[in-house]
Protein backbone atom coordinates (compact mmCIF):
# COMPACT_ATOMS: atom_id res chain seq x y z
CA UNK A 1 1.08 29.53 7.38
CA UNK A 2 4.75 29.19 8.47
CA UNK A 3 6.41 25.93 9.26
CA UNK A 4 7.82 25.98 12.74
CA UNK A 5 11.49 24.45 12.39
CA UNK A 6 11.47 22.67 15.62
CA UNK A 7 8.20 21.14 14.79
CA UNK A 8 9.49 19.88 11.49
CA UNK A 9 12.38 18.42 12.76
CA UNK A 10 10.46 16.37 15.75
CA UNK A 11 7.94 15.05 12.77
CA UNK A 12 10.77 13.89 10.41
CA UNK A 13 12.88 12.44 13.38
CA UNK A 14 9.84 10.28 14.56
CA UNK A 15 8.97 9.34 11.11
CA UNK A 16 12.27 8.17 10.07
CA UNK A 17 14.10 7.08 13.27
CA UNK A 18 11.38 7.01 16.38
CA UNK A 19 9.18 4.68 15.00
CA UNK A 20 11.77 2.06 14.01
CA UNK A 21 11.56 0.55 17.27
CA UNK A 22 8.60 -1.54 15.98
CA UNK A 23 10.31 -3.27 13.07
CA UNK A 24 8.12 -4.50 10.65
CA UNK A 25 9.37 -7.94 10.79
CA UNK A 26 8.75 -8.23 14.30
CA UNK A 27 5.24 -7.36 14.22
CA UNK A 28 3.90 -9.42 11.62
CA UNK A 29 2.44 -12.95 11.95
CA UNK A 30 3.27 -13.79 8.36
CA UNK A 31 3.56 -12.51 4.66
CA UNK A 32 0.64 -14.11 2.22
CA UNK A 33 1.92 -13.34 -1.19
CA UNK A 34 -0.68 -13.50 -4.05
CA UNK A 35 -0.34 -15.02 -6.98
CA UNK A 36 -1.85 -16.70 -10.36
CA UNK A 37 1.08 -17.63 -12.60
CA UNK A 38 3.97 -15.15 -12.09
CA UNK A 39 6.79 -16.23 -10.89
CA UNK A 40 7.44 -15.51 -7.01
CA UNK A 41 10.82 -16.80 -6.37
CA UNK A 42 13.03 -13.35 -6.10
CA UNK A 43 10.17 -12.04 -3.71
CA UNK A 44 10.20 -15.40 -1.48
CA UNK A 45 14.08 -15.27 -1.75
CA UNK A 46 13.96 -11.45 -0.19
CA UNK A 47 11.48 -11.90 2.30
CA UNK A 48 12.45 -15.19 3.65
CA UNK A 49 16.37 -13.65 4.13
CA UNK A 50 14.92 -10.75 6.25
CA UNK A 51 13.12 -12.92 8.78
CA UNK A 52 9.32 -13.22 7.37
CA UNK A 53 7.46 -16.12 7.35
CA UNK A 54 6.04 -16.48 4.07
CA UNK A 55 3.04 -18.19 2.22
CA UNK A 56 2.23 -18.22 -1.79
CA UNK A 57 -1.49 -18.53 -2.50
CA UNK A 58 -2.30 -19.25 -5.86
CA UNK A 59 -5.18 -18.60 -7.95
CA UNK A 60 -6.99 -22.09 -9.51
CA UNK A 61 -8.07 -21.82 -12.70
CA UNK A 62 -11.49 -23.55 -12.84
CA UNK A 63 -13.66 -23.92 -15.91
CA UNK A 64 -16.79 -21.56 -13.67
CA UNK A 65 -14.00 -18.83 -13.44
CA UNK A 66 -14.34 -18.53 -17.14
CA UNK A 67 -16.23 -15.26 -17.35
CA UNK A 68 -15.52 -13.74 -14.29
CA UNK A 69 -13.89 -10.12 -14.63
CA UNK A 70 -10.17 -9.91 -13.84
CA UNK A 71 -11.03 -7.50 -10.82
CA UNK A 72 -13.31 -10.05 -9.23
CA UNK A 73 -10.42 -13.00 -9.39
CA UNK A 74 -8.23 -10.55 -7.79
CA UNK A 75 -10.64 -9.92 -5.37
CA UNK A 76 -11.14 -13.87 -4.71
CA UNK A 77 -7.37 -13.92 -4.29
CA UNK A 78 -7.40 -11.42 -1.59
CA UNK A 79 -10.28 -13.04 0.09
CA UNK A 80 -8.61 -16.12 0.73
CA UNK A 81 -5.58 -14.22 2.24
CA UNK A 82 -8.18 -12.27 4.52
CA UNK A 83 -9.55 -15.83 5.54
CA UNK A 84 -5.86 -16.69 6.60
CA UNK A 85 -5.44 -12.87 8.09
CA UNK A 86 -8.34 -13.91 10.52
CA UNK A 87 -6.79 -16.93 11.96
CA UNK A 88 -3.59 -14.91 12.84
CA UNK A 89 -2.51 -13.36 16.32
CA UNK A 90 -1.10 -10.61 14.98
CA UNK A 91 -1.32 -8.49 11.76
CA UNK A 92 -0.53 -9.94 8.31
CA UNK A 93 1.01 -8.31 5.36
CA UNK A 94 -0.66 -9.13 1.77
CA UNK A 95 1.31 -8.29 -1.10
CA UNK A 96 0.68 -9.33 -4.76
CA UNK A 97 3.19 -10.81 -7.08
CA UNK A 98 4.26 -7.79 -8.88
CA UNK A 99 5.58 -5.94 -5.72
CA UNK A 100 8.77 -5.12 -5.39
CA UNK A 101 10.39 -4.03 -2.06
CA UNK A 102 12.95 -1.84 -1.02
CA UNK A 103 16.29 -3.28 0.18
CA UNK A 104 15.63 -2.94 3.61
CA UNK A 105 11.97 -3.89 3.68
CA UNK A 106 11.86 -5.96 7.18
CA UNK A 107 13.57 -3.32 8.83
CA UNK A 108 11.26 -0.46 8.35
CA UNK A 109 8.61 0.59 11.12
CA UNK A 110 5.38 -0.16 11.54
CA UNK A 111 3.17 2.55 9.96
CA UNK A 112 0.66 2.48 13.22
CA UNK A 113 0.90 1.79 16.91
CA UNK A 114 1.19 -2.17 17.54
CA UNK A 115 -0.84 -1.24 20.83
CA UNK A 116 -4.04 -0.01 18.84
CA UNK A 117 -7.43 -2.17 18.84
CA UNK A 118 -8.66 0.19 16.06
CA UNK A 119 -6.81 -0.40 12.98
CA UNK A 120 -8.37 -1.03 9.71
CA UNK A 121 -5.82 -1.38 7.02
CA UNK A 122 -2.06 0.17 6.38
CA UNK A 123 -0.93 0.59 3.08
CA UNK A 124 2.72 -0.09 2.41
CA UNK A 125 2.51 0.95 -1.34
CA UNK A 126 -0.36 3.63 -2.01
CA UNK A 127 -1.86 4.43 -5.00
CA UNK A 128 -3.71 8.39 -5.26
CA UNK A 129 -2.76 8.50 -1.57
CA UNK A 130 -4.56 10.99 0.80
CA UNK A 131 -3.47 11.99 4.17
CA UNK A 132 -6.03 13.02 6.84
CA UNK A 133 -4.23 13.00 10.19
CA UNK A 134 -0.61 12.77 11.99
CA UNK A 135 -0.59 12.06 15.24
CA UNK A 136 2.02 13.67 17.84
CA UNK A 137 3.86 10.30 17.50
CA UNK A 138 4.15 10.34 13.58
CA UNK A 139 1.45 7.89 12.69
CA UNK A 140 -0.48 9.01 9.24
CA UNK A 141 -4.01 8.11 8.63
CA UNK A 142 -5.19 8.29 5.12
CA UNK A 143 -6.59 6.88 1.75
CA UNK A 144 -5.21 5.01 -0.70
CA UNK A 145 -6.61 2.58 -3.41
CA UNK A 146 -5.28 -0.70 -4.85
CA UNK A 147 -4.22 -3.88 -2.82
CA UNK A 148 -0.71 -4.35 -4.01
CA UNK A 149 0.85 -4.24 -0.44
CA UNK A 150 -0.80 -3.59 2.99
CA UNK A 151 -1.17 -4.90 6.39
CA UNK A 152 -4.37 -6.00 8.09
CA UNK A 153 -5.41 -7.17 11.33
CA UNK A 154 -7.39 -10.15 12.48
CA UNK A 155 -10.57 -7.94 12.82
CA UNK A 156 -10.27 -6.01 9.64
CA UNK A 157 -9.87 -8.88 7.81
CA UNK A 158 -13.08 -10.16 9.07
CA UNK A 159 -14.96 -7.12 7.88
CA UNK A 160 -13.19 -7.00 4.50
CA UNK A 161 -14.94 -10.45 3.84
CA UNK A 162 -17.98 -8.61 4.50
CA UNK A 163 -17.05 -6.08 1.89
CA UNK A 164 -16.45 -8.95 -0.52
CA UNK A 165 -19.60 -9.95 -0.26
CA UNK A 166 -21.17 -6.58 -0.81
CA UNK A 167 -19.17 -6.33 -4.33
CA UNK A 168 -20.38 -10.14 -5.13
CA UNK A 169 -24.30 -8.95 -4.30
CA UNK A 170 -24.07 -5.48 -5.71
CA UNK A 171 -21.47 -5.68 -8.70
CA UNK A 172 -21.61 -9.41 -9.67
CA UNK A 173 -18.60 -11.65 -10.54
CA UNK A 174 -18.70 -10.77 -14.24
CA UNK A 175 -18.34 -7.00 -14.06
CA UNK A 176 -15.41 -4.79 -13.49
CA UNK A 177 -15.28 -3.15 -9.98
CA UNK A 178 -12.68 -0.59 -8.18
CA UNK A 179 -13.27 -2.51 -4.78
CA UNK A 180 -9.92 -1.64 -3.74
CA UNK A 181 -11.00 1.93 -3.60
CA UNK A 182 -13.94 1.40 -1.21
CA UNK A 183 -11.73 -0.13 1.24
CA UNK A 184 -11.14 2.68 3.57
CA UNK A 185 -14.59 4.35 3.57
CA UNK A 186 -16.06 0.87 4.47
CA UNK A 187 -13.43 0.19 7.39
CA UNK A 188 -13.59 3.77 8.37
CA UNK A 189 -17.92 3.20 8.53
CA UNK A 190 -16.95 0.19 11.08
CA UNK A 191 -15.01 2.78 13.25
CA UNK A 192 -11.46 1.50 12.48
CA UNK A 193 -8.56 4.11 11.57
CA UNK A 194 -6.67 3.29 8.31
CA UNK A 195 -2.82 4.06 7.79
CA UNK A 196 -0.03 5.30 5.31
CA UNK A 197 3.42 4.99 5.40
CA UNK A 198 5.78 7.67 5.55
CA UNK A 199 6.99 6.50 1.86
CA UNK A 200 6.63 3.35 0.21
CA UNK A 201 8.23 0.47 1.09
CA UNK A 202 8.29 -0.76 -2.37
CA UNK A 203 7.17 -0.57 -5.85
CA UNK A 204 3.99 -2.00 -8.16
CA UNK A 205 6.41 -3.27 -10.51
CA UNK A 206 3.59 -5.01 -12.98
CA UNK A 207 2.93 -4.20 -16.56
CA UNK A 208 -0.02 -2.21 -17.64
CA UNK A 209 -3.72 -3.70 -16.78
CA UNK A 210 -6.13 -3.52 -20.24
CA UNK A 211 -8.86 -4.20 -17.65
CA UNK A 212 -8.15 -0.60 -16.23
CA UNK A 213 -7.73 0.72 -19.54
CA UNK A 214 -11.26 -0.29 -20.45
CA UNK A 215 -12.71 1.20 -18.07
CA UNK A 216 -11.17 4.88 -18.83
CA UNK A 217 -8.74 4.20 -15.77
CA UNK A 218 -5.02 4.57 -15.66
CA UNK A 219 -3.16 1.56 -16.98
CA UNK A 220 -0.54 1.47 -14.47
CA UNK A 221 0.47 3.00 -11.30
CA UNK A 222 3.63 3.33 -9.68
CA UNK A 223 4.87 4.56 -5.82
CA UNK A 224 5.15 8.27 -5.96
CA UNK A 225 7.88 8.17 -3.26
CA UNK A 226 9.99 5.32 -1.96
CA UNK A 227 11.80 4.46 1.19
CA UNK A 228 15.14 3.41 -0.23
CA UNK A 229 16.68 1.83 -3.40
CA UNK A 230 14.60 -1.37 -4.78
CA UNK A 231 15.49 -4.86 -3.86
CA UNK A 232 15.14 -6.42 -7.58
CA UNK A 233 14.29 -4.76 -11.02
CA UNK A 234 10.33 -4.56 -11.45
CA UNK A 235 9.14 -6.52 -14.08
CA UNK A 236 8.31 -3.68 -16.20
CA UNK A 237 11.97 -3.00 -16.67
CA UNK A 238 13.10 -6.62 -16.93
CA UNK A 239 14.33 -7.93 -20.49
CA UNK A 240 13.98 -4.36 -22.23
CA UNK A 241 16.94 -2.72 -23.95
CA UNK A 242 17.90 0.00 -21.32
CA UNK A 243 16.32 -1.69 -18.35
CA UNK A 244 17.93 0.72 -16.56
CA UNK A 245 16.95 3.48 -18.43
CA UNK A 246 13.20 2.51 -18.38
CA UNK A 247 13.41 1.84 -15.00
CA UNK A 248 14.75 5.30 -14.20
CA UNK A 249 12.40 7.21 -16.26
CA UNK A 250 9.28 5.64 -14.84
CA UNK A 251 10.45 6.18 -11.26
CA UNK A 252 11.30 9.57 -12.33
CA UNK A 253 7.58 10.33 -13.59
CA UNK A 254 6.07 9.24 -10.77
CA UNK A 255 8.07 11.12 -8.54
CA UNK A 256 6.68 14.00 -10.61
CA UNK A 257 3.07 13.19 -10.73
CA UNK A 258 3.74 12.50 -6.78
CA UNK A 259 4.92 16.30 -5.93
CA UNK A 260 2.14 17.54 -8.70
CA UNK A 261 -0.48 16.22 -6.54
CA UNK A 262 1.08 17.52 -3.51
CA UNK A 263 1.17 20.66 -5.11
CA UNK A 264 -2.31 20.43 -6.63
CA UNK A 265 -4.00 19.61 -2.95
CA UNK A 266 -5.01 16.02 -3.63
CA UNK A 267 -2.34 14.50 -1.37
CA UNK A 268 -3.25 16.67 1.29
CA UNK A 269 -6.81 18.40 0.37
CA UNK A 270 -7.47 22.24 1.54
CA UNK A 271 -10.51 21.47 3.68
CA UNK A 272 -8.78 18.50 5.32
CA UNK A 273 -5.98 20.85 6.44
CA UNK A 274 -8.54 23.98 7.56
CA UNK A 275 -10.26 21.20 9.51
CA UNK A 276 -7.34 20.18 11.40
CA UNK A 277 -6.55 20.61 15.07
CA UNK A 278 -2.49 20.03 14.02
CA UNK A 279 -2.21 21.80 10.59
CA UNK A 280 1.34 22.34 10.92
CA UNK A 281 2.12 18.55 11.49
CA UNK A 282 -0.11 17.54 9.02
CA UNK A 283 1.35 19.79 6.30
CA UNK A 284 4.82 18.95 7.44
CA UNK A 285 4.32 15.45 6.66
CA UNK A 286 3.16 16.03 3.65
CA UNK A 287 5.61 18.29 2.10
CA UNK A 288 8.80 16.29 3.94
CA UNK A 289 8.16 12.99 2.57
CA UNK A 290 8.79 14.32 -0.72
CA UNK A 291 12.05 15.82 0.18
CA UNK A 292 14.10 12.97 -0.41
CA UNK A 293 16.77 12.15 -3.58
CA UNK A 294 15.79 8.86 -3.41
CA UNK A 295 13.51 7.83 -6.75
């Protein structure tokens, strides 16, 4: 299959420039930062300076939570944010405390059409992403696991609270669950469409999670490709000897893994491409997003 240069150029222009008429900061009610004891000062200052209305939701340390799994405690935090998001007139950004946005975060485009009434979740940071479909105006439907940074609508926030109830009833509060990997299928079952960004709006800056490792999952996950330079240093590179070198090596390895996922058909699966009514556009999106010198 050969790529048509004209269509590639059109897609790249739409994705990088044409969609920026819907700036993130203009389309969002507020940003909810989910935290426990982590410092959120840098994150708060950055988002406030870019014009966002922000609120920090901190998990309380209650005796009855002592035996809860970390994954369920995380889900509880997100539930509080979903309850707030249900009450908003516009979509809400929900981010975890260890998310590091890129410099021009607020000026990046909304990853979906703001006039749609069937939007589920739109990830701003993706982990193990896949692309399903790219519309003629450049919006990409897809999958991601991880809930580090994303946008929800009031409708989808309501449905996600139903998902939380299912996790509590079927998995339990003390058991580990990969609840964030079920969001896509759950919302699509509700007839909503989920979106992934052209490139990641920031990085997961957190340290390795031992609970992931204990359950035979990767201890860390990073953004495969970024929209631009990070606004501040991620936690994994703070206070280390050669912090800049550590940041560079982590980002380089994340880029390598992202390109490997593309080449091995894990970002864009062969069956998805074969079944698409616009395969050139889909393939162009998948390939062009990796063609950047930004780490």
